[in-house]
Amino acid sequence: MHPDMPLGALISVIHRNHIIALNTRLRPLGLSASHLPILLFLSHREGIPQEALARHFRIDKATIARAVKRLEDDGFVCRKTDPANRRAYGLFLTGKGTEVRDELRVIDAEWEKDLLSVVPETRRSDLVRTLRALAEQSIAIAGAGREHACE
Protein backbone atom coordinates (compact mmCIF):
# COMPACT_ATOMS: atom_id res chain seq x y z
CA MET A 1 0.00 0.00 0.00
CA HIS A 2 1.30 3.43 -0.90
CA PRO A 3 2.63 5.33 2.17
CA ASP A 4 1.02 8.61 1.04
CA MET A 5 -2.50 7.18 0.80
CA PRO A 6 -4.93 9.71 2.30
CA LEU A 7 -6.83 8.91 5.49
CA GLY A 8 -10.18 8.64 3.67
CA ALA A 9 -8.74 6.08 1.26
CA LEU A 10 -7.30 4.03 4.13
CA ILE A 11 -10.66 4.00 5.88
CA SER A 12 -12.31 3.03 2.61
CA VAL A 13 -9.91 0.08 2.14
CA ILE A 14 -10.70 -1.17 5.65
CA HIS A 15 -14.43 -0.78 5.08
CA ARG A 16 -14.42 -2.54 1.69
CA ASN A 17 -12.45 -5.46 3.08
CA HIS A 18 -14.78 -5.66 6.07
CA ILE A 19 -17.71 -5.98 3.63
CA ILE A 20 -15.90 -8.69 1.65
CA ALA A 21 -15.10 -10.68 4.80
CA LEU A 22 -18.65 -10.32 6.16
CA ASN A 23 -20.23 -11.35 2.88
CA THR A 24 -18.09 -14.49 2.83
CA ARG A 25 -19.02 -15.39 6.41
CA LEU A 26 -22.71 -14.41 6.16
CA ARG A 27 -23.53 -16.03 2.81
CA PRO A 28 -24.15 -19.49 4.38
CA LEU A 29 -26.73 -17.85 6.67
CA GLY A 30 -28.54 -16.31 3.70
CA LEU A 31 -27.41 -12.82 4.67
CA SER A 32 -25.08 -10.12 3.40
CA ALA A 33 -22.98 -7.45 5.06
CA SER A 34 -25.71 -4.84 4.50
CA HIS A 35 -28.07 -6.85 6.71
CA LEU A 36 -25.75 -7.17 9.70
CA PRO A 37 -26.13 -3.64 11.13
CA ILE A 38 -29.91 -3.74 10.71
CA LEU A 39 -30.28 -7.05 12.50
CA LEU A 40 -27.89 -6.09 15.29
CA PHE A 41 -29.63 -2.74 15.76
CA LEU A 42 -33.05 -4.41 15.91
CA SER A 43 -31.75 -6.82 18.52
CA HIS A 44 -31.45 -3.79 20.83
CA ARG A 45 -34.30 -1.61 19.55
CA GLU A 46 -37.15 -3.80 18.37
CA GLY A 47 -40.26 -1.96 17.27
CA ILE A 48 -38.41 0.90 15.61
CA PRO A 49 -40.05 2.23 12.44
CA GLN A 50 -38.22 1.71 9.15
CA GLU A 51 -37.84 5.49 8.70
CA ALA A 52 -36.02 5.75 12.03
CA LEU A 53 -33.60 3.04 10.86
CA ALA A 54 -32.87 5.10 7.74
CA ARG A 55 -32.17 8.19 9.87
CA HIS A 56 -30.01 6.25 12.33
CA PHE A 57 -27.79 4.78 9.62
CA ARG A 58 -27.94 7.94 7.46
CA ILE A 59 -29.15 5.83 4.53
CA ASP A 60 -31.87 6.88 2.11
CA LYS A 61 -35.31 5.40 2.68
CA ALA A 62 -35.33 3.37 -0.55
CA THR A 63 -32.09 1.58 0.32
CA ILE A 64 -33.26 0.69 3.82
CA ALA A 65 -36.66 -0.38 2.42
CA ARG A 66 -35.00 -2.85 0.03
CA ALA A 67 -32.83 -4.31 2.79
CA VAL A 68 -35.75 -4.63 5.20
CA LYS A 69 -37.95 -6.17 2.48
CA ARG A 70 -35.31 -8.81 1.80
CA LEU A 71 -34.93 -9.56 5.52
CA GLU A 72 -38.70 -9.81 5.80
CA ASP A 73 -39.01 -12.06 2.73
CA ASP A 74 -36.26 -14.31 4.10
CA GLY A 75 -37.97 -14.55 7.49
CA PHE A 76 -35.46 -12.63 9.65
CA VAL A 77 -37.71 -9.67 10.50
CA CYS A 78 -41.41 -8.87 10.56
CA ARG A 79 -43.49 -5.72 10.67
CA LYS A 80 -46.11 -5.24 13.36
CA THR A 81 -48.72 -2.51 13.50
CA ASP A 82 -48.15 0.12 16.17
CA PRO A 83 -51.18 -0.07 18.49
CA ALA A 84 -50.98 3.70 19.05
CA ASN A 85 -51.01 4.44 15.30
CA ARG A 86 -52.61 1.75 13.14
CA ARG A 87 -50.91 3.21 10.02
CA ALA A 88 -47.39 2.88 11.50
CA TYR A 89 -45.35 -0.31 11.63
CA GLY A 90 -42.46 -1.31 13.83
CA LEU A 91 -39.75 -3.81 12.89
CA PHE A 92 -39.07 -6.88 15.00
CA LEU A 93 -36.76 -9.87 14.80
CA THR A 94 -38.51 -13.15 14.08
CA GLY A 95 -37.46 -16.42 15.67
CA LYS A 96 -35.08 -16.93 12.75
CA GLY A 97 -33.63 -13.44 13.26
CA THR A 98 -33.17 -14.08 16.96
CA GLU A 99 -31.49 -17.44 16.23
CA VAL A 100 -28.74 -15.83 14.12
CA ARG A 101 -28.25 -12.75 16.34
CA ASP A 102 -25.49 -14.21 18.53
CA GLU A 103 -23.72 -15.73 15.52
CA LEU A 104 -23.73 -12.32 13.81
CA ARG A 105 -22.14 -10.74 16.87
CA VAL A 106 -19.47 -13.45 16.92
CA ILE A 107 -18.71 -13.05 13.20
CA ASP A 108 -18.29 -9.29 13.50
CA ALA A 109 -16.29 -9.55 16.74
CA GLU A 110 -13.91 -12.10 15.17
CA TRP A 111 -13.29 -9.76 12.23
CA GLU A 112 -12.59 -6.88 14.59
CA LYS A 113 -10.27 -9.04 16.70
CA ASP A 114 -8.37 -10.18 13.59
CA LEU A 115 -8.09 -6.59 12.34
CA LEU A 116 -6.86 -5.24 15.67
CA SER A 117 -4.33 -8.07 16.07
CA VAL A 118 -1.73 -5.84 14.36
CA VAL A 119 -2.20 -3.15 17.04
CA PRO A 120 -0.54 -3.66 20.43
CA GLU A 121 -3.18 -4.45 23.03
CA THR A 122 -2.16 -1.45 25.11
CA ARG A 123 -3.03 0.89 22.20
CA ARG A 124 -6.33 -0.64 21.08
CA SER A 125 -8.67 1.33 23.33
CA ASP A 126 -6.95 4.58 22.31
CA LEU A 127 -7.30 3.65 18.65
CA VAL A 128 -11.00 2.88 18.98
CA ARG A 129 -11.56 6.11 20.96
CA THR A 130 -9.73 8.09 18.26
CA LEU A 131 -11.72 6.45 15.47
CA ARG A 132 -14.98 7.25 17.30
CA ALA A 133 -13.91 10.87 17.60
CA LEU A 134 -13.03 10.96 13.89
CA ALA A 135 -16.41 9.42 13.00
CA GLU A 136 -18.23 12.01 15.11
CA GLN A 137 -16.20 14.83 13.57
CA SER A 138 -16.93 13.54 10.06
CA ILE A 139 -20.65 13.67 10.86
CA ALA A 140 -20.29 17.23 12.15
CA ILE A 141 -18.37 18.27 9.03
CA ALA A 142 -21.01 16.68 6.79
CA GLY A 143 -23.68 18.70 8.54
CA ALA A 144 -25.13 16.54 11.26
CA GLY A 145 -27.96 18.29 12.99
CA ARG A 146 -29.64 19.26 9.76
CA GLU A 147 -32.11 16.89 8.14
CA HIS A 148 -30.75 14.13 5.95
CA ALA A 149 -31.19 15.09 2.27
CA CYS A 150 -33.25 11.97 1.53
CA GLU A 151 -35.82 12.44 4.30
C-alpha atoms as a PDB file:
ATOM      1  CA  MET A   1       0.000   0.000   0.000  1.00  0.00           C
ATOM      2  CA  HIS A   2       1.302   3.432  -0.896  1.00  0.00           C
ATOM      3  CA  PRO A   3       2.635   5.330   2.169  1.00  0.00           C
ATOM      4  CA  ASP A   4       1.020   8.612   1.037  1.00  0.00           C
ATOM      5  CA  MET A   5      -2.502   7.182   0.796  1.00  0.00           C
ATOM      6  CA  PRO A   6      -4.934   9.714   2.302  1.00  0.00           C
ATOM      7  CA  LEU A   7      -6.830   8.907   5.492  1.00  0.00           C
ATOM      8  CA  GLY A   8     -10.176   8.640   3.673  1.00  0.00           C
ATOM      9  CA  ALA A   9      -8.736   6.084   1.263  1.00  0.00           C
ATOM     10  CA  LEU A  10      -7.302   4.025   4.134  1.00  0.00           C
ATOM     11  CA  ILE A  11     -10.660   3.996   5.885  1.00  0.00           C
ATOM     12  CA  SER A  12     -12.307   3.033   2.605  1.00  0.00           C
ATOM     13  CA  VAL A  13      -9.915   0.076   2.142  1.00  0.00           C
ATOM     14  CA  ILE A  14     -10.696  -1.167   5.649  1.00  0.00           C
ATOM     15  CA  HIS A  15     -14.433  -0.780   5.075  1.00  0.00           C
ATOM     16  CA  ARG A  16     -14.424  -2.541   1.693  1.00  0.00           C
ATOM     17  CA  ASN A  17     -12.449  -5.465   3.084  1.00  0.00           C
ATOM     18  CA  HIS A  18     -14.780  -5.658   6.069  1.00  0.00           C
ATOM     19  CA  ILE A  19     -17.706  -5.977   3.628  1.00  0.00           C
ATOM     20  CA  ILE A  20     -15.898  -8.691   1.646  1.00  0.00           C
ATOM     21  CA  ALA A  21     -15.097 -10.676   4.803  1.00  0.00           C
ATOM     22  CA  LEU A  22     -18.645 -10.316   6.161  1.00  0.00           C
ATOM     23  CA  ASN A  23     -20.235 -11.346   2.876  1.00  0.00           C
ATOM     24  CA  THR A  24     -18.093 -14.486   2.826  1.00  0.00           C
ATOM     25  CA  ARG A  25     -19.022 -15.394   6.410  1.00  0.00           C
ATOM     26  CA  LEU A  26     -22.714 -14.411   6.161  1.00  0.00           C
ATOM     27  CA  ARG A  27     -23.533 -16.026   2.813  1.00  0.00           C
ATOM     28  CA  PRO A  28     -24.146 -19.488   4.383  1.00  0.00           C
ATOM     29  CA  LEU A  29     -26.731 -17.855   6.668  1.00  0.00           C
ATOM     30  CA  GLY A  30     -28.537 -16.312   3.702  1.00  0.00           C
ATOM     31  CA  LEU A  31     -27.412 -12.818   4.673  1.00  0.00           C
ATOM     32  CA  SER A  32     -25.076 -10.125   3.398  1.00  0.00           C
ATOM     33  CA  ALA A  33     -22.984  -7.448   5.056  1.00  0.00           C
ATOM     34  CA  SER A  34     -25.705  -4.841   4.499  1.00  0.00           C
ATOM     35  CA  HIS A  35     -28.070  -6.849   6.708  1.00  0.00           C
ATOM     36  CA  LEU A  36     -25.747  -7.173   9.703  1.00  0.00           C
ATOM     37  CA  PRO A  37     -26.129  -3.639  11.133  1.00  0.00           C
ATOM     38  CA  ILE A  38     -29.909  -3.736  10.712  1.00  0.00           C
ATOM     39  CA  LEU A  39     -30.283  -7.050  12.501  1.00  0.00           C
ATOM     40  CA  LEU A  40     -27.891  -6.093  15.292  1.00  0.00           C
ATOM     41  CA  PHE A  41     -29.631  -2.736  15.757  1.00  0.00           C
ATOM     42  CA  LEU A  42     -33.049  -4.406  15.912  1.00  0.00           C
ATOM     43  CA  SER A  43     -31.746  -6.824  18.518  1.00  0.00           C
ATOM     44  CA  HIS A  44     -31.450  -3.788  20.834  1.00  0.00           C
ATOM     45  CA  ARG A  45     -34.304  -1.606  19.549  1.00  0.00           C
ATOM     46  CA  GLU A  46     -37.149  -3.799  18.365  1.00  0.00           C
ATOM     47  CA  GLY A  47     -40.258  -1.960  17.274  1.00  0.00           C
ATOM     48  CA  ILE A  48     -38.409   0.900  15.613  1.00  0.00           C
ATOM     49  CA  PRO A  49     -40.047   2.229  12.439  1.00  0.00           C
ATOM     50  CA  GLN A  50     -38.222   1.714   9.150  1.00  0.00           C
ATOM     51  CA  GLU A  51     -37.839   5.495   8.699  1.00  0.00           C
ATOM     52  CA  ALA A  52     -36.023   5.753  12.028  1.00  0.00           C
ATOM     53  CA  LEU A  53     -33.602   3.041  10.861  1.00  0.00           C
ATOM     54  CA  ALA A  54     -32.869   5.098   7.742  1.00  0.00           C
ATOM     55  CA  ARG A  55     -32.172   8.185   9.867  1.00  0.00           C
ATOM     56  CA  HIS A  56     -30.015   6.250  12.330  1.00  0.00           C
ATOM     57  CA  PHE A  57     -27.786   4.777   9.619  1.00  0.00           C
ATOM     58  CA  ARG A  58     -27.943   7.939   7.461  1.00  0.00           C
ATOM     59  CA  ILE A  59     -29.153   5.832   4.527  1.00  0.00           C
ATOM     60  CA  ASP A  60     -31.866   6.876   2.107  1.00  0.00           C
ATOM     61  CA  LYS A  61     -35.311   5.398   2.680  1.00  0.00           C
ATOM     62  CA  ALA A  62     -35.330   3.374  -0.552  1.00  0.00           C
ATOM     63  CA  THR A  63     -32.086   1.576   0.323  1.00  0.00           C
ATOM     64  CA  ILE A  64     -33.264   0.687   3.822  1.00  0.00           C
ATOM     65  CA  ALA A  65     -36.662  -0.377   2.423  1.00  0.00           C
ATOM     66  CA  ARG A  66     -35.000  -2.850   0.032  1.00  0.00           C
ATOM     67  CA  ALA A  67     -32.826  -4.309   2.785  1.00  0.00           C
ATOM     68  CA  VAL A  68     -35.755  -4.633   5.204  1.00  0.00           C
ATOM     69  CA  LYS A  69     -37.953  -6.169   2.484  1.00  0.00           C
ATOM     70  CA  ARG A  70     -35.308  -8.811   1.800  1.00  0.00           C
ATOM     71  CA  LEU A  71     -34.932  -9.556   5.517  1.00  0.00           C
ATOM     72  CA  GLU A  72     -38.699  -9.809   5.800  1.00  0.00           C
ATOM     73  CA  ASP A  73     -39.015 -12.057   2.725  1.00  0.00           C
ATOM     74  CA  ASP A  74     -36.263 -14.312   4.101  1.00  0.00           C
ATOM     75  CA  GLY A  75     -37.965 -14.545   7.490  1.00  0.00           C
ATOM     76  CA  PHE A  76     -35.459 -12.631   9.651  1.00  0.00           C
ATOM     77  CA  VAL A  77     -37.713  -9.665  10.496  1.00  0.00           C
ATOM     78  CA  CYS A  78     -41.408  -8.872  10.556  1.00  0.00           C
ATOM     79  CA  ARG A  79     -43.489  -5.722  10.673  1.00  0.00           C
ATOM     80  CA  LYS A  80     -46.107  -5.238  13.359  1.00  0.00           C
ATOM     81  CA  THR A  81     -48.719  -2.512  13.496  1.00  0.00           C
ATOM     82  CA  ASP A  82     -48.146   0.124  16.167  1.00  0.00           C
ATOM     83  CA  PRO A  83     -51.178  -0.067  18.488  1.00  0.00           C
ATOM     84  CA  ALA A  84     -50.985   3.704  19.050  1.00  0.00           C
ATOM     85  CA  ASN A  85     -51.015   4.438  15.299  1.00  0.00           C
ATOM     86  CA  ARG A  86     -52.613   1.755  13.137  1.00  0.00           C
ATOM     87  CA  ARG A  87     -50.911   3.209  10.020  1.00  0.00           C
ATOM     88  CA  ALA A  88     -47.393   2.882  11.499  1.00  0.00           C
ATOM     89  CA  TYR A  89     -45.352  -0.306  11.628  1.00  0.00           C
ATOM     90  CA  GLY A  90     -42.456  -1.315  13.829  1.00  0.00           C
ATOM     91  CA  LEU A  91     -39.751  -3.814  12.889  1.00  0.00           C
ATOM     92  CA  PHE A  92     -39.073  -6.884  14.998  1.00  0.00           C
ATOM     93  CA  LEU A  93     -36.756  -9.870  14.798  1.00  0.00           C
ATOM     94  CA  THR A  94     -38.510 -13.149  14.078  1.00  0.00           C
ATOM     95  CA  GLY A  95     -37.464 -16.423  15.672  1.00  0.00           C
ATOM     96  CA  LYS A  96     -35.084 -16.926  12.752  1.00  0.00           C
ATOM     97  CA  GLY A  97     -33.632 -13.435  13.265  1.00  0.00           C
ATOM     98  CA  THR A  98     -33.168 -14.083  16.962  1.00  0.00           C
ATOM     99  CA  GLU A  99     -31.493 -17.441  16.230  1.00  0.00           C
ATOM    100  CA  VAL A 100     -28.736 -15.833  14.125  1.00  0.00           C
ATOM    101  CA  ARG A 101     -28.249 -12.751  16.342  1.00  0.00           C
ATOM    102  CA  ASP A 102     -25.491 -14.215  18.525  1.00  0.00           C
ATOM    103  CA  GLU A 103     -23.718 -15.732  15.523  1.00  0.00           C
ATOM    104  CA  LEU A 104     -23.735 -12.316  13.809  1.00  0.00           C
ATOM    105  CA  ARG A 105     -22.142 -10.745  16.865  1.00  0.00           C
ATOM    106  CA  VAL A 106     -19.466 -13.446  16.923  1.00  0.00           C
ATOM    107  CA  ILE A 107     -18.711 -13.054  13.203  1.00  0.00           C
ATOM    108  CA  ASP A 108     -18.292  -9.290  13.503  1.00  0.00           C
ATOM    109  CA  ALA A 109     -16.286  -9.547  16.739  1.00  0.00           C
ATOM    110  CA  GLU A 110     -13.914 -12.096  15.166  1.00  0.00           C
ATOM    111  CA  TRP A 111     -13.285  -9.759  12.228  1.00  0.00           C
ATOM    112  CA  GLU A 112     -12.586  -6.878  14.585  1.00  0.00           C
ATOM    113  CA  LYS A 113     -10.267  -9.042  16.703  1.00  0.00           C
ATOM    114  CA  ASP A 114      -8.367 -10.176  13.592  1.00  0.00           C
ATOM    115  CA  LEU A 115      -8.091  -6.594  12.339  1.00  0.00           C
ATOM    116  CA  LEU A 116      -6.862  -5.245  15.674  1.00  0.00           C
ATOM    117  CA  SER A 117      -4.335  -8.067  16.065  1.00  0.00           C
ATOM    118  CA  VAL A 118      -1.733  -5.836  14.361  1.00  0.00           C
ATOM    119  CA  VAL A 119      -2.201  -3.146  17.040  1.00  0.00           C
ATOM    120  CA  PRO A 120      -0.541  -3.664  20.430  1.00  0.00           C
ATOM    121  CA  GLU A 121      -3.178  -4.448  23.028  1.00  0.00           C
ATOM    122  CA  THR A 122      -2.155  -1.446  25.110  1.00  0.00           C
ATOM    123  CA  ARG A 123      -3.035   0.894  22.205  1.00  0.00           C
ATOM    124  CA  ARG A 124      -6.326  -0.644  21.079  1.00  0.00           C
ATOM    125  CA  SER A 125      -8.674   1.332  23.328  1.00  0.00           C
ATOM    126  CA  ASP A 126      -6.948   4.575  22.314  1.00  0.00           C
ATOM    127  CA  LEU A 127      -7.297   3.646  18.645  1.00  0.00           C
ATOM    128  CA  VAL A 128     -11.003   2.883  18.981  1.00  0.00           C
ATOM    129  CA  ARG A 129     -11.557   6.108  20.965  1.00  0.00           C
ATOM    130  CA  THR A 130      -9.732   8.092  18.258  1.00  0.00           C
ATOM    131  CA  LEU A 131     -11.724   6.453  15.467  1.00  0.00           C
ATOM    132  CA  ARG A 132     -14.985   7.246  17.303  1.00  0.00           C
ATOM    133  CA  ALA A 133     -13.909  10.873  17.605  1.00  0.00           C
ATOM    134  CA  LEU A 134     -13.035  10.965  13.888  1.00  0.00           C
ATOM    135  CA  ALA A 135     -16.410   9.417  13.001  1.00  0.00           C
ATOM    136  CA  GLU A 136     -18.233  12.008  15.113  1.00  0.00           C
ATOM    137  CA  GLN A 137     -16.199  14.825  13.565  1.00  0.00           C
ATOM    138  CA  SER A 138     -16.928  13.538  10.056  1.00  0.00           C
ATOM    139  CA  ILE A 139     -20.654  13.670  10.865  1.00  0.00           C
ATOM    140  CA  ALA A 140     -20.290  17.226  12.145  1.00  0.00           C
ATOM    141  CA  ILE A 141     -18.369  18.270   9.026  1.00  0.00           C
ATOM    142  CA  ALA A 142     -21.007  16.678   6.790  1.00  0.00           C
ATOM    143  CA  GLY A 143     -23.678  18.700   8.539  1.00  0.00           C
ATOM    144  CA  ALA A 144     -25.129  16.538  11.262  1.00  0.00           C
ATOM    145  CA  GLY A 145     -27.955  18.288  12.986  1.00  0.00           C
ATOM    146  CA  ARG A 146     -29.645  19.262   9.755  1.00  0.00           C
ATOM    147  CA  GLU A 147     -32.110  16.893   8.145  1.00  0.00           C
ATOM    148  CA  HIS A 148     -30.751  14.132   5.946  1.00  0.00           C
ATOM    149  CA  ALA A 149     -31.194  15.091   2.275  1.00  0.00           C
ATOM    150  CA  CYS A 150     -33.252  11.968   1.526  1.00  0.00           C
ATOM    151  CA  GLU A 151     -35.817  12.438   4.296  1.00  0.00           C
END
